[in-house]
Protein backbone atom coordinates (compact mmCIF):
# COMPACT_ATOMS: atom_id res chain seq x y z
CA MET A 1 167.64 114.80 107.78
CA PRO A 2 166.30 118.27 108.68
CA VAL A 3 164.19 118.64 111.81
CA ASP A 4 161.02 120.73 111.58
CA SER A 5 161.02 122.91 114.69
CA ARG A 6 157.39 123.97 114.11
CA ALA A 7 155.89 120.49 114.49
CA PRO A 8 155.67 120.41 118.32
CA SER A 9 154.15 123.90 118.51
CA LEU A 10 151.58 122.99 115.83
CA ARG A 11 150.55 119.91 117.82
CA ILE A 12 150.19 121.99 120.97
CA GLY A 13 148.19 124.63 119.09
CA ARG A 14 145.87 122.02 117.60
CA SER A 15 145.45 120.44 121.01
CA LEU A 16 144.50 123.77 122.56
CA VAL A 17 142.01 124.48 119.79
CA GLY A 18 140.55 120.99 120.24
CA VAL A 19 140.18 121.42 123.98
CA GLY A 20 138.58 124.84 123.46
CA LEU A 21 136.10 123.46 120.94
CA LEU A 22 135.25 120.53 123.20
CA ALA A 23 134.70 122.90 126.14
CA PHE A 24 132.46 125.09 123.97
CA VAL A 25 130.37 122.12 122.81
CA VAL A 26 129.96 120.83 126.37
CA ARG A 27 128.96 124.30 127.62
CA ALA A 28 126.50 124.82 124.76
CA ALA A 29 124.90 121.41 125.42
CA TRP A 30 124.65 122.24 129.14
CA VAL A 31 122.97 125.57 128.44
CA MET A 32 120.48 124.03 126.00
CA ALA A 33 119.65 121.23 128.41
CA PHE A 34 119.30 123.19 131.63
CA ALA A 35 118.49 126.81 130.75
CA LYS A 36 115.03 128.02 131.57
CA ILE A 37 113.25 131.23 130.82
CA PRO A 38 112.54 133.24 133.98
CA GLY A 39 108.95 132.98 134.89
CA GLY A 40 107.07 132.03 137.99
CA GLY A 41 103.91 133.90 137.23
CA ILE A 42 103.31 137.61 137.54
CA ILE A 43 105.82 138.23 140.34
CA SER A 44 109.34 137.32 139.20
CA ASP A 45 112.75 138.94 139.48
CA PRO A 46 112.68 140.61 136.04
CA VAL A 47 109.22 142.04 136.70
CA LEU A 48 110.20 143.31 140.15
CA TYR A 49 113.47 144.86 138.97
CA HIS A 50 111.60 146.67 136.20
CA ALA A 51 108.97 147.94 138.65
CA TYR A 52 111.69 149.13 141.07
CA GLY A 53 113.45 150.93 138.22
CA GLN A 54 110.23 152.63 137.15
CA ARG A 55 109.53 153.84 140.68
CA ILE A 56 113.05 155.20 141.00
CA ALA A 57 112.73 156.98 137.63
CA GLU A 58 109.44 158.51 138.73
CA GLY A 59 111.05 159.87 141.91
CA GLN A 60 109.25 157.52 144.31
CA GLY A 61 112.46 155.94 145.60
CA TYR A 62 113.26 152.29 146.15
CA MET A 63 109.75 151.01 146.90
CA SER A 64 108.48 147.45 146.78
CA TYR A 65 105.99 146.15 144.24
CA TRP A 66 103.21 146.94 146.73
CA GLY A 67 104.45 150.48 147.51
CA PHE A 68 106.36 149.94 150.76
CA PRO A 69 110.03 150.84 151.37
CA THR A 70 112.19 147.77 150.83
CA SER A 71 115.74 146.51 150.98
CA TYR A 72 115.00 142.95 149.89
CA TYR A 73 116.84 143.08 146.55
CA PRO A 74 120.22 144.71 145.95
CA PRO A 75 119.48 148.18 144.56
CA GLY A 76 122.24 148.38 141.93
CA TYR A 77 120.36 147.10 138.90
CA PRO A 78 117.07 148.90 139.69
CA PHE A 79 119.01 152.16 140.14
CA PHE A 80 120.70 151.53 136.78
CA LEU A 81 117.29 150.95 135.18
CA GLY A 82 115.84 154.01 136.86
CA GLY A 83 118.69 156.21 135.69
CA SER A 84 118.63 154.95 132.12
CA THR A 85 114.94 155.70 131.57
CA GLY A 86 114.53 158.43 128.99
CA SER A 87 111.63 160.23 130.64
């Protein structure tokens, strides 16, 4: 009786695909259940980062929303936004 040497590797491959699919389904359910759209009114992180980027692009430097020098947020993303503005 011939032995099929591919059978164990097929079972392992199917198992890995099954585990990957299960992990994807669990992650997708988690994201749908607990994701929220950033908000919090007028002052929120996305709004502030955009304002910082605009000020940098206009040559005003890293100034707060109210026009004062700040170091509250890390400057990397606002500097990226300020440098990518096509003005």
